[in-house]
Amino acid sequence: MIASLPRPLWLRASTVVYGLAFFAFLFLPLVVVAVFAFNDAPYPAPPWRGFTLDWFVGHTGRTGLFADAALLGSLWTSVVVACWVTILSVLVGTANAFLIERTQFRGKQALSLLMLAPLVIPGVILGISILAFASRIANLADDLWGLELEFLRPGLPLVVLGQFSYIVSIATLTITARLKRFDVTLEEAAYNLGASRLAVLWTITLPYLKPALIGSAAISFLMSFENFNTTLMLVGSDSPLTVMMYGRMREGATPVLNAVSLLLMVASAVLALTMMRGNKPGTSNNTH
């Protein structure tokens, strides 16, 4: 329990073994996927048949990732959906954070707890509920007024709405945690010097919230991009990447899916490293 005391050999060895086993459990499947993206075989699993780039660029009758129009289209669809979900989640999450931290009203505690409900509801149940509710409204509008509300039918608008319904809770929690530590006397001093509410928000409050805003945006984008359960219930003819990969797996997987996975791992690593570099003490824009 005391770090300065010497530890017996068996305890030090078991700590090393535990650490190696834990990280092997986390990263070994990713390494296998990455390696077999270059396997010269028509299946994405051992044994190793030699090195090739066919599953990226395509060759000798093989359709590589960069020549697979359907897969690239689903990748772009996922990016578009994730961008919309990120924008909505950060904007609404920021408004929710100010509502929770800066206002007092009856039932605020209950509403704060209710906001967390989507996080504990299974994604399939959430997707089915949103689909049933949206379809009921669309049918009602069609029956009463003859309006065809296409955005309430299965498709990308409903996918964005379904993902937003729970990702906004995570964005709200991230931004609220940062806003809770904000020193409001900085704003009061600016008001005393004649600054307007908009000027104070733009020059003092938002720069302080910038790390939380960037972090919540990154989390929202990644969670939207990799979502499957809710998306599967709400998708229409334009399939995002996760749904497309699921369909390909059922038809018979090829190493092209390994190539897609490797591309996503590299992109996620670059995003994470960029965020870590931006949050270093020397590069942060915290208000002093």
C-alpha atoms as a PDB file:
ATOM      1  CA  MET A   1       0.000   0.000   0.000  1.00  0.00           C
ATOM      2  CA  ILE A   2       3.014   2.314   0.477  1.00  0.00           C
ATOM      3  CA  ALA A   3       4.923   2.886  -2.752  1.00  0.00           C
ATOM      4  CA  SER A   4       8.269   3.532  -1.048  1.00  0.00           C
ATOM      5  CA  LEU A   5       8.351   0.107   0.640  1.00  0.00           C
ATOM      6  CA  PRO A   6      10.133  -2.733  -1.219  1.00  0.00           C
ATOM      7  CA  ARG A   7       7.816  -5.258  -2.838  1.00  0.00           C
ATOM      8  CA  PRO A   8       8.500  -8.992  -3.026  1.00  0.00           C
ATOM      9  CA  LEU A   9       9.552 -10.517  -6.334  1.00  0.00           C
ATOM     10  CA  TRP A  10       6.284 -12.416  -6.844  1.00  0.00           C
ATOM     11  CA  LEU A  11       4.269  -9.207  -6.470  1.00  0.00           C
ATOM     12  CA  ARG A  12       6.422  -7.303  -8.969  1.00  0.00           C
ATOM     13  CA  ALA A  13       6.268 -10.195 -11.437  1.00  0.00           C
ATOM     14  CA  SER A  14       2.489 -10.525 -11.091  1.00  0.00           C
ATOM     15  CA  THR A  15       2.095  -6.777 -11.688  1.00  0.00           C
ATOM     16  CA  VAL A  16       4.076  -7.035 -14.923  1.00  0.00           C
ATOM     17  CA  VAL A  17       2.136 -10.113 -16.044  1.00  0.00           C
ATOM     18  CA  TYR A  18      -1.170  -8.427 -15.266  1.00  0.00           C
ATOM     19  CA  GLY A  19      -0.174  -5.296 -17.208  1.00  0.00           C
ATOM     20  CA  LEU A  20       0.962  -7.319 -20.223  1.00  0.00           C
ATOM     21  CA  ALA A  21      -2.198  -9.450 -20.186  1.00  0.00           C
ATOM     22  CA  PHE A  22      -4.449  -6.414 -19.883  1.00  0.00           C
ATOM     23  CA  PHE A  23      -2.906  -4.511 -22.774  1.00  0.00           C
ATOM     24  CA  ALA A  24      -2.693  -7.660 -24.899  1.00  0.00           C
ATOM     25  CA  PHE A  25      -6.436  -8.138 -24.364  1.00  0.00           C
ATOM     26  CA  LEU A  26      -7.026  -4.547 -25.490  1.00  0.00           C
ATOM     27  CA  PHE A  27      -4.678  -4.252 -28.450  1.00  0.00           C
ATOM     28  CA  LEU A  28      -3.959  -7.765 -29.775  1.00  0.00           C
ATOM     29  CA  PRO A  29      -7.281  -7.996 -31.711  1.00  0.00           C
ATOM     30  CA  LEU A  30      -6.558  -4.588 -33.276  1.00  0.00           C
ATOM     31  CA  VAL A  31      -3.064  -5.703 -34.278  1.00  0.00           C
ATOM     32  CA  VAL A  32      -4.468  -8.862 -35.874  1.00  0.00           C
ATOM     33  CA  VAL A  33      -7.029  -6.859 -37.849  1.00  0.00           C
ATOM     34  CA  ALA A  34      -4.348  -4.416 -39.005  1.00  0.00           C
ATOM     35  CA  VAL A  35      -1.904  -7.143 -40.050  1.00  0.00           C
ATOM     36  CA  PHE A  36      -4.441  -9.181 -42.010  1.00  0.00           C
ATOM     37  CA  ALA A  37      -5.508  -6.115 -43.976  1.00  0.00           C
ATOM     38  CA  PHE A  38      -2.327  -6.920 -45.967  1.00  0.00           C
ATOM     39  CA  ASN A  39      -2.898 -10.671 -46.215  1.00  0.00           C
ATOM     40  CA  ASP A  40      -2.790 -12.118 -49.745  1.00  0.00           C
ATOM     41  CA  ALA A  41      -5.844 -14.312 -49.184  1.00  0.00           C
ATOM     42  CA  PRO A  42      -9.569 -13.877 -49.896  1.00  0.00           C
ATOM     43  CA  TYR A  43     -10.510 -14.133 -46.221  1.00  0.00           C
ATOM     44  CA  PRO A  44      -9.731 -11.791 -43.303  1.00  0.00           C
ATOM     45  CA  ALA A  45      -8.226 -14.394 -40.964  1.00  0.00           C
ATOM     46  CA  PRO A  46      -5.176 -16.661 -40.558  1.00  0.00           C
ATOM     47  CA  PRO A  47      -3.195 -18.294 -42.044  1.00  0.00           C
ATOM     48  CA  TRP A  48      -0.843 -15.722 -43.533  1.00  0.00           C
ATOM     49  CA  ARG A  49      -0.514 -16.057 -47.326  1.00  0.00           C
ATOM     50  CA  GLY A  50       1.877 -13.215 -48.080  1.00  0.00           C
ATOM     51  CA  PHE A  51       1.931  -9.417 -48.229  1.00  0.00           C
ATOM     52  CA  THR A  52      -0.284  -7.471 -50.627  1.00  0.00           C
ATOM     53  CA  LEU A  53      -1.874  -4.057 -51.064  1.00  0.00           C
ATOM     54  CA  ASP A  54      -4.732  -5.444 -53.151  1.00  0.00           C
ATOM     55  CA  TRP A  55      -7.305  -4.841 -50.416  1.00  0.00           C
ATOM     56  CA  PHE A  56      -6.507  -1.133 -50.504  1.00  0.00           C
ATOM     57  CA  VAL A  57      -5.897  -0.378 -54.183  1.00  0.00           C
ATOM     58  CA  GLY A  58      -7.396  -3.431 -55.895  1.00  0.00           C
ATOM     59  CA  HIS A  59      -5.683  -5.795 -58.363  1.00  0.00           C
ATOM     60  CA  THR A  60      -6.245  -9.037 -60.297  1.00  0.00           C
ATOM     61  CA  GLY A  61     -10.001  -9.113 -59.914  1.00  0.00           C
ATOM     62  CA  ARG A  62      -9.990  -7.904 -56.303  1.00  0.00           C
ATOM     63  CA  THR A  63     -11.899  -4.748 -55.401  1.00  0.00           C
ATOM     64  CA  GLY A  64      -9.817  -2.693 -52.993  1.00  0.00           C
ATOM     65  CA  LEU A  65     -11.063  -0.173 -50.481  1.00  0.00           C
ATOM     66  CA  PHE A  66     -10.270   2.872 -52.623  1.00  0.00           C
ATOM     67  CA  ALA A  67     -12.104   1.339 -55.607  1.00  0.00           C
ATOM     68  CA  ASP A  68     -15.181   0.179 -53.683  1.00  0.00           C
ATOM     69  CA  ALA A  69     -17.725   2.897 -54.439  1.00  0.00           C
ATOM     70  CA  ALA A  70     -20.389   1.464 -52.118  1.00  0.00           C
ATOM     71  CA  LEU A  71     -18.014   1.264 -49.160  1.00  0.00           C
ATOM     72  CA  LEU A  72     -16.595   4.738 -49.757  1.00  0.00           C
ATOM     73  CA  GLY A  73     -20.129   6.085 -50.083  1.00  0.00           C
ATOM     74  CA  SER A  74     -21.096   4.573 -46.737  1.00  0.00           C
ATOM     75  CA  LEU A  75     -17.933   6.048 -45.210  1.00  0.00           C
ATOM     76  CA  TRP A  76     -18.912   9.508 -46.463  1.00  0.00           C
ATOM     77  CA  THR A  77     -22.468   8.984 -45.174  1.00  0.00           C
ATOM     78  CA  SER A  78     -21.087   8.213 -41.713  1.00  0.00           C
ATOM     79  CA  VAL A  79     -18.946  11.360 -41.832  1.00  0.00           C
ATOM     80  CA  VAL A  80     -21.943  13.531 -42.789  1.00  0.00           C
ATOM     81  CA  VAL A  81     -24.136  12.027 -40.063  1.00  0.00           C
ATOM     82  CA  ALA A  82     -21.364  12.380 -37.475  1.00  0.00           C
ATOM     83  CA  CYS A  83     -20.801  16.041 -38.402  1.00  0.00           C
ATOM     84  CA  TRP A  84     -24.493  16.884 -37.970  1.00  0.00           C
ATOM     85  CA  VAL A  85     -24.698  14.975 -34.685  1.00  0.00           C
ATOM     86  CA  THR A  86     -21.545  16.705 -33.432  1.00  0.00           C
ATOM     87  CA  ILE A  87     -22.803  20.202 -34.282  1.00  0.00           C
ATOM     88  CA  LEU A  88     -26.199  19.620 -32.684  1.00  0.00           C
ATOM     89  CA  SER A  89     -24.763  17.901 -29.607  1.00  0.00           C
ATOM     90  CA  VAL A  90     -22.198  20.622 -28.876  1.00  0.00           C
ATOM     91  CA  LEU A  91     -24.666  23.484 -29.414  1.00  0.00           C
ATOM     92  CA  VAL A  92     -27.479  21.936 -27.366  1.00  0.00           C
ATOM     93  CA  GLY A  93     -25.026  20.541 -24.799  1.00  0.00           C
ATOM     94  CA  THR A  94     -23.599  24.036 -24.235  1.00  0.00           C
ATOM     95  CA  ALA A  95     -27.089  25.472 -23.786  1.00  0.00           C
ATOM     96  CA  ASN A  96     -27.942  22.647 -21.370  1.00  0.00           C
ATOM     97  CA  ALA A  97     -24.765  23.289 -19.370  1.00  0.00           C
ATOM     98  CA  PHE A  98     -25.673  26.953 -18.877  1.00  0.00           C
ATOM     99  CA  LEU A  99     -29.237  25.959 -17.996  1.00  0.00           C
ATOM    100  CA  ILE A 100     -28.029  23.528 -15.336  1.00  0.00           C
ATOM    101  CA  GLU A 101     -25.266  25.679 -13.849  1.00  0.00           C
ATOM    102  CA  ARG A 102     -26.530  29.237 -14.254  1.00  0.00           C
ATOM    103  CA  THR A 103     -30.289  29.053 -13.607  1.00  0.00           C
ATOM    104  CA  GLN A 104     -32.493  28.089 -10.715  1.00  0.00           C
ATOM    105  CA  PHE A 105     -35.964  26.671 -11.252  1.00  0.00           C
ATOM    106  CA  ARG A 106     -38.257  24.108  -9.713  1.00  0.00           C
ATOM    107  CA  GLY A 107     -37.538  20.546 -10.766  1.00  0.00           C
ATOM    108  CA  LYS A 108     -34.038  21.250 -12.058  1.00  0.00           C
ATOM    109  CA  GLN A 109     -32.544  18.279 -10.204  1.00  0.00           C
ATOM    110  CA  ALA A 110     -35.172  15.926 -11.599  1.00  0.00           C
ATOM    111  CA  LEU A 111     -34.614  17.206 -15.130  1.00  0.00           C
ATOM    112  CA  SER A 112     -30.843  16.808 -14.720  1.00  0.00           C
ATOM    113  CA  LEU A 113     -31.314  13.163 -13.768  1.00  0.00           C
ATOM    114  CA  LEU A 114     -33.865  12.611 -16.531  1.00  0.00           C
ATOM    115  CA  MET A 115     -31.321  13.889 -19.043  1.00  0.00           C
ATOM    116  CA  LEU A 116     -29.180  10.826 -18.252  1.00  0.00           C
ATOM    117  CA  ALA A 117     -31.949   8.348 -19.105  1.00  0.00           C
ATOM    118  CA  PRO A 118     -30.881   7.815 -22.752  1.00  0.00           C
ATOM    119  CA  LEU A 119     -27.448   6.663 -21.543  1.00  0.00           C
ATOM    120  CA  VAL A 120     -28.910   3.658 -19.699  1.00  0.00           C
ATOM    121  CA  ILE A 121     -31.456   2.667 -22.353  1.00  0.00           C
ATOM    122  CA  PRO A 122     -30.190  -0.023 -24.782  1.00  0.00           C
ATOM    123  CA  GLY A 123     -29.517   1.388 -28.236  1.00  0.00           C
ATOM    124  CA  VAL A 124     -31.902  -1.055 -29.917  1.00  0.00           C
ATOM    125  CA  ILE A 125     -34.769  -0.045 -27.627  1.00  0.00           C
ATOM    126  CA  LEU A 126     -33.971   3.633 -28.157  1.00  0.00           C
ATOM    127  CA  GLY A 127     -33.932   3.188 -31.930  1.00  0.00           C
ATOM    128  CA  ILE A 128     -37.209   1.265 -31.998  1.00  0.00           C
ATOM    129  CA  SER A 129     -38.899   3.831 -29.747  1.00  0.00           C
ATOM    130  CA  ILE A 130     -37.790   6.771 -31.892  1.00  0.00           C
ATOM    131  CA  LEU A 131     -38.816   4.947 -35.077  1.00  0.00           C
ATOM    132  CA  ALA A 132     -42.279   4.113 -33.705  1.00  0.00           C
ATOM    133  CA  PHE A 133     -42.836   7.642 -32.388  1.00  0.00           C
ATOM    134  CA  ALA A 134     -41.645   9.349 -35.588  1.00  0.00           C
ATOM    135  CA  SER A 135     -43.693   7.008 -37.802  1.00  0.00           C
ATOM    136  CA  ARG A 136     -46.797   7.658 -35.722  1.00  0.00           C
ATOM    137  CA  ILE A 137     -46.395  11.428 -36.144  1.00  0.00           C
ATOM    138  CA  ALA A 138     -45.733  11.073 -39.885  1.00  0.00           C
ATOM    139  CA  ASN A 139     -48.810   8.878 -40.337  1.00  0.00           C
ATOM    140  CA  LEU A 140     -50.941  11.293 -38.319  1.00  0.00           C
ATOM    141  CA  ALA A 141     -49.805  14.267 -40.418  1.00  0.00           C
ATOM    142  CA  ASP A 142     -50.549  12.324 -43.587  1.00  0.00           C
ATOM    143  CA  ASP A 143     -54.023  11.290 -42.420  1.00  0.00           C
ATOM    144  CA  LEU A 144     -55.111  14.686 -41.064  1.00  0.00           C
ATOM    145  CA  TRP A 145     -53.489  17.185 -43.434  1.00  0.00           C
ATOM    146  CA  GLY A 146     -52.121  15.128 -46.314  1.00  0.00           C
ATOM    147  CA  LEU A 147     -48.538  16.086 -45.454  1.00  0.00           C
ATOM    148  CA  GLU A 148     -45.745  13.645 -46.223  1.00  0.00           C
ATOM    149  CA  LEU A 149     -43.028  14.251 -43.620  1.00  0.00           C
ATOM    150  CA  GLU A 150     -40.203  12.313 -45.209  1.00  0.00           C
ATOM    151  CA  PHE A 151     -37.688  13.303 -42.520  1.00  0.00           C
ATOM    152  CA  LEU A 152     -39.706  11.255 -40.012  1.00  0.00           C
ATOM    153  CA  ARG A 153     -39.407   8.120 -42.135  1.00  0.00           C
ATOM    154  CA  PRO A 154     -36.381   5.773 -41.898  1.00  0.00           C
ATOM    155  CA  GLY A 155     -33.412   7.634 -43.330  1.00  0.00           C
ATOM    156  CA  LEU A 156     -30.471   9.852 -42.464  1.00  0.00           C
ATOM    157  CA  PRO A 157     -32.484  12.646 -40.724  1.00  0.00           C
ATOM    158  CA  LEU A 158     -33.937  10.070 -38.353  1.00  0.00           C
ATOM    159  CA  VAL A 159     -30.477   8.518 -37.828  1.00  0.00           C
ATOM    160  CA  VAL A 160     -29.136  11.941 -36.848  1.00  0.00           C
ATOM    161  CA  LEU A 161     -32.063  12.465 -34.483  1.00  0.00           C
ATOM    162  CA  GLY A 162     -31.652   9.033 -32.911  1.00  0.00           C
ATOM    163  CA  GLN A 163     -27.919   9.389 -32.303  1.00  0.00           C
ATOM    164  CA  PHE A 164     -28.315  12.957 -31.080  1.00  0.00           C
ATOM    165  CA  SER A 165     -30.889  11.863 -28.472  1.00  0.00           C
ATOM    166  CA  TYR A 166     -28.231  10.200 -26.310  1.00  0.00           C
ATOM    167  CA  ILE A 167     -24.933  11.713 -27.475  1.00  0.00           C
ATOM    168  CA  VAL A 168     -26.163  15.156 -26.406  1.00  0.00           C
ATOM    169  CA  SER A 169     -26.272  13.861 -22.817  1.00  0.00           C
ATOM    170  CA  ILE A 170     -22.563  13.043 -22.940  1.00  0.00           C
ATOM    171  CA  ALA A 171     -21.736  16.431 -24.449  1.00  0.00           C
ATOM    172  CA  THR A 172     -23.801  18.137 -21.755  1.00  0.00           C
ATOM    173  CA  LEU A 173     -21.980  16.298 -18.952  1.00  0.00           C
ATOM    174  CA  THR A 174     -18.567  17.145 -20.434  1.00  0.00           C
ATOM    175  CA  ILE A 175     -19.290  20.853 -20.834  1.00  0.00           C
ATOM    176  CA  THR A 176     -21.118  21.107 -17.484  1.00  0.00           C
ATOM    177  CA  ALA A 177     -18.118  19.655 -15.642  1.00  0.00           C
ATOM    178  CA  ARG A 178     -15.910  22.398 -17.111  1.00  0.00           C
ATOM    179  CA  LEU A 179     -18.412  25.189 -16.522  1.00  0.00           C
ATOM    180  CA  LYS A 180     -18.823  24.136 -12.884  1.00  0.00           C
ATOM    181  CA  ARG A 181     -15.189  25.104 -12.212  1.00  0.00           C
ATOM    182  CA  PHE A 182     -15.469  28.507 -13.872  1.00  0.00           C
ATOM    183  CA  ASP A 183     -14.794  31.558 -11.673  1.00  0.00           C
ATOM    184  CA  VAL A 184     -17.845  33.782 -12.208  1.00  0.00           C
ATOM    185  CA  THR A 185     -16.020  36.772 -10.721  1.00  0.00           C
ATOM    186  CA  LEU A 186     -14.221  37.090 -14.067  1.00  0.00           C
ATOM    187  CA  GLU A 187     -17.543  37.742 -15.757  1.00  0.00           C
ATOM    188  CA  GLU A 188     -18.635  40.126 -12.995  1.00  0.00           C
ATOM    189  CA  ALA A 189     -15.424  42.133 -13.412  1.00  0.00           C
ATOM    190  CA  ALA A 190     -16.033  42.384 -17.153  1.00  0.00           C
ATOM    191  CA  TYR A 191     -19.614  43.566 -16.574  1.00  0.00           C
ATOM    192  CA  ASN A 192     -18.344  46.230 -14.153  1.00  0.00           C
ATOM    193  CA  LEU A 193     -15.981  47.462 -16.869  1.00  0.00           C
ATOM    194  CA  GLY A 194     -18.924  47.934 -19.235  1.00  0.00           C
ATOM    195  CA  ALA A 195     -18.731  44.757 -21.345  1.00  0.00           C
ATOM    196  CA  SER A 196     -21.950  43.428 -22.870  1.00  0.00           C
ATOM    197  CA  ARG A 197     -23.278  39.918 -22.267  1.00  0.00           C
ATOM    198  CA  LEU A 198     -22.249  38.838 -25.756  1.00  0.00           C
ATOM    199  CA  ALA A 199     -18.741  40.268 -25.335  1.00  0.00           C
ATOM    200  CA  VAL A 200     -18.304  38.492 -21.994  1.00  0.00           C
ATOM    201  CA  LEU A 201     -19.532  35.199 -23.455  1.00  0.00           C
ATOM    202  CA  TRP A 202     -17.298  35.475 -26.516  1.00  0.00           C
ATOM    203  CA  THR A 203     -14.090  36.719 -24.873  1.00  0.00           C
ATOM    204  CA  ILE A 204     -14.173  35.111 -21.415  1.00  0.00           C
ATOM    205  CA  THR A 205     -16.605  32.226 -20.976  1.00  0.00           C
ATOM    206  CA  LEU A 206     -16.272  30.411 -24.304  1.00  0.00           C
ATOM    207  CA  PRO A 207     -12.433  30.547 -24.347  1.00  0.00           C
ATOM    208  CA  TYR A 208     -12.500  28.939 -20.897  1.00  0.00           C
ATOM    209  CA  LEU A 209     -14.898  26.251 -22.185  1.00  0.00           C
ATOM    210  CA  LYS A 210     -12.848  25.638 -25.336  1.00  0.00           C
ATOM    211  CA  PRO A 211     -11.135  22.414 -24.112  1.00  0.00           C
ATOM    212  CA  ALA A 212     -14.509  20.963 -23.087  1.00  0.00           C
ATOM    213  CA  LEU A 213     -16.111  22.030 -26.367  1.00  0.00           C
ATOM    214  CA  ILE A 214     -13.345  20.418 -28.406  1.00  0.00           C
ATOM    215  CA  GLY A 215     -13.416  17.286 -26.258  1.00  0.00           C
ATOM    216  CA  SER A 216     -17.188  16.913 -26.444  1.00  0.00           C
ATOM    217  CA  ALA A 217     -17.065  17.466 -30.219  1.00  0.00           C
ATOM    218  CA  ALA A 218     -14.462  14.727 -30.647  1.00  0.00           C
ATOM    219  CA  ILE A 219     -16.372  12.305 -28.430  1.00  0.00           C
ATOM    220  CA  SER A 220     -19.649  13.079 -30.196  1.00  0.00           C
ATOM    221  CA  PHE A 221     -18.101  12.539 -33.623  1.00  0.00           C
ATOM    222  CA  LEU A 222     -16.505   9.218 -32.704  1.00  0.00           C
ATOM    223  CA  MET A 223     -19.584   7.899 -30.900  1.00  0.00           C
ATOM    224  CA  SER A 224     -21.789   8.813 -33.841  1.00  0.00           C
ATOM    225  CA  PHE A 225     -19.359   7.335 -36.361  1.00  0.00           C
ATOM    226  CA  GLU A 226     -19.156   3.948 -34.632  1.00  0.00           C
ATOM    227  CA  ASN A 227     -22.797   3.662 -33.561  1.00  0.00           C
ATOM    228  CA  PHE A 228     -24.574   0.571 -34.818  1.00  0.00           C
ATOM    229  CA  ASN A 229     -27.558  -0.466 -32.693  1.00  0.00           C
ATOM    230  CA  THR A 230     -29.581   2.737 -32.895  1.00  0.00           C
ATOM    231  CA  THR A 231     -28.507   3.389 -36.492  1.00  0.00           C
ATOM    232  CA  LEU A 232     -29.632  -0.059 -37.665  1.00  0.00           C
ATOM    233  CA  MET A 233     -33.158   0.613 -36.431  1.00  0.00           C
ATOM    234  CA  LEU A 234     -33.462   4.000 -38.168  1.00  0.00           C
ATOM    235  CA  VAL A 235     -31.468   3.688 -41.388  1.00  0.00           C
ATOM    236  CA  GLY A 236     -33.046   3.906 -44.817  1.00  0.00           C
ATOM    237  CA  SER A 237     -31.533   3.302 -48.235  1.00  0.00           C
ATOM    238  CA  ASP A 238     -28.290   5.194 -47.495  1.00  0.00           C
ATOM    239  CA  SER A 239     -26.353   2.947 -45.121  1.00  0.00           C
ATOM    240  CA  PRO A 240     -23.630   4.372 -42.859  1.00  0.00           C
ATOM    241  CA  LEU A 241     -20.360   2.496 -42.595  1.00  0.00           C
ATOM    242  CA  THR A 242     -21.225   0.346 -39.572  1.00  0.00           C
ATOM    243  CA  VAL A 243     -24.418  -0.960 -41.183  1.00  0.00           C
ATOM    244  CA  MET A 244     -22.628  -1.543 -44.491  1.00  0.00           C
ATOM    245  CA  MET A 245     -19.842  -3.506 -42.763  1.00  0.00           C
ATOM    246  CA  TYR A 246     -22.427  -5.581 -40.897  1.00  0.00           C
ATOM    247  CA  GLY A 247     -24.102  -6.460 -44.187  1.00  0.00           C
ATOM    248  CA  ARG A 248     -20.760  -7.354 -45.781  1.00  0.00           C
ATOM    249  CA  MET A 249     -19.878  -9.589 -42.823  1.00  0.00           C
ATOM    250  CA  ARG A 250     -23.114 -11.527 -43.252  1.00  0.00           C
ATOM    251  CA  GLU A 251     -22.520 -11.980 -46.980  1.00  0.00           C
ATOM    252  CA  GLY A 252     -18.941 -13.169 -46.522  1.00  0.00           C
ATOM    253  CA  ALA A 253     -16.156 -10.929 -45.288  1.00  0.00           C
ATOM    254  CA  THR A 254     -12.986 -10.103 -47.201  1.00  0.00           C
ATOM    255  CA  PRO A 255      -9.834  -8.303 -46.000  1.00  0.00           C
ATOM    256  CA  VAL A 256     -11.345  -5.080 -47.380  1.00  0.00           C
ATOM    257  CA  LEU A 257     -13.140  -4.803 -44.030  1.00  0.00           C
ATOM    258  CA  ASN A 258      -9.773  -5.155 -42.296  1.00  0.00           C
ATOM    259  CA  ALA A 259      -8.484  -2.338 -44.501  1.00  0.00           C
ATOM    260  CA  VAL A 260     -11.424  -0.139 -43.488  1.00  0.00           C
ATOM    261  CA  SER A 261     -10.811  -0.959 -39.830  1.00  0.00           C
ATOM    262  CA  LEU A 262      -7.126  -0.073 -40.145  1.00  0.00           C
ATOM    263  CA  LEU A 263      -8.016   3.242 -41.795  1.00  0.00           C
ATOM    264  CA  LEU A 264     -10.411   4.071 -38.951  1.00  0.00           C
ATOM    265  CA  MET A 265      -7.844   3.108 -36.308  1.00  0.00           C
ATOM    266  CA  VAL A 266      -5.258   5.408 -37.879  1.00  0.00           C
ATOM    267  CA  ALA A 267      -7.775   8.253 -38.126  1.00  0.00           C
ATOM    268  CA  SER A 268      -8.827   7.800 -34.484  1.00  0.00           C
ATOM    269  CA  ALA A 269      -5.196   7.735 -33.341  1.00  0.00           C
ATOM    270  CA  VAL A 270      -4.421  10.924 -35.272  1.00  0.00           C
ATOM    271  CA  LEU A 271      -7.468  12.624 -33.734  1.00  0.00           C
ATOM    272  CA  ALA A 272      -6.495  11.519 -30.225  1.00  0.00           C
ATOM    273  CA  LEU A 273      -2.886  12.678 -30.638  1.00  0.00           C
ATOM    274  CA  THR A 274      -4.064  16.012 -32.019  1.00  0.00           C
ATOM    275  CA  MET A 275      -6.321  16.537 -29.012  1.00  0.00           C
ATOM    276  CA  MET A 276      -3.535  15.592 -26.589  1.00  0.00           C
ATOM    277  CA  ARG A 277      -1.169  18.024 -28.297  1.00  0.00           C
ATOM    278  CA  GLY A 278      -3.798  20.780 -28.214  1.00  0.00           C
ATOM    279  CA  ASN A 279      -4.417  20.273 -24.491  1.00  0.00           C
ATOM    280  CA  LYS A 280      -0.769  20.640 -23.433  1.00  0.00           C
ATOM    281  CA  PRO A 281      -0.230  23.439 -20.879  1.00  0.00           C
ATOM    282  CA  GLY A 282       1.779  25.495 -23.340  1.00  0.00           C
ATOM    283  CA  THR A 283      -0.894  25.395 -26.044  1.00  0.00           C
ATOM    284  CA  SER A 284      -4.115  25.805 -24.067  1.00  0.00           C
ATOM    285  CA  ASN A 285      -6.100  29.029 -24.202  1.00  0.00           C
ATOM    286  CA  ASN A 286      -7.398  29.035 -20.666  1.00  0.00           C
ATOM    287  CA  THR A 287      -8.581  32.353 -19.252  1.00  0.00           C
ATOM    288  CA  HIS A 288      -6.361  33.800 -16.532  1.00  0.00           C
END
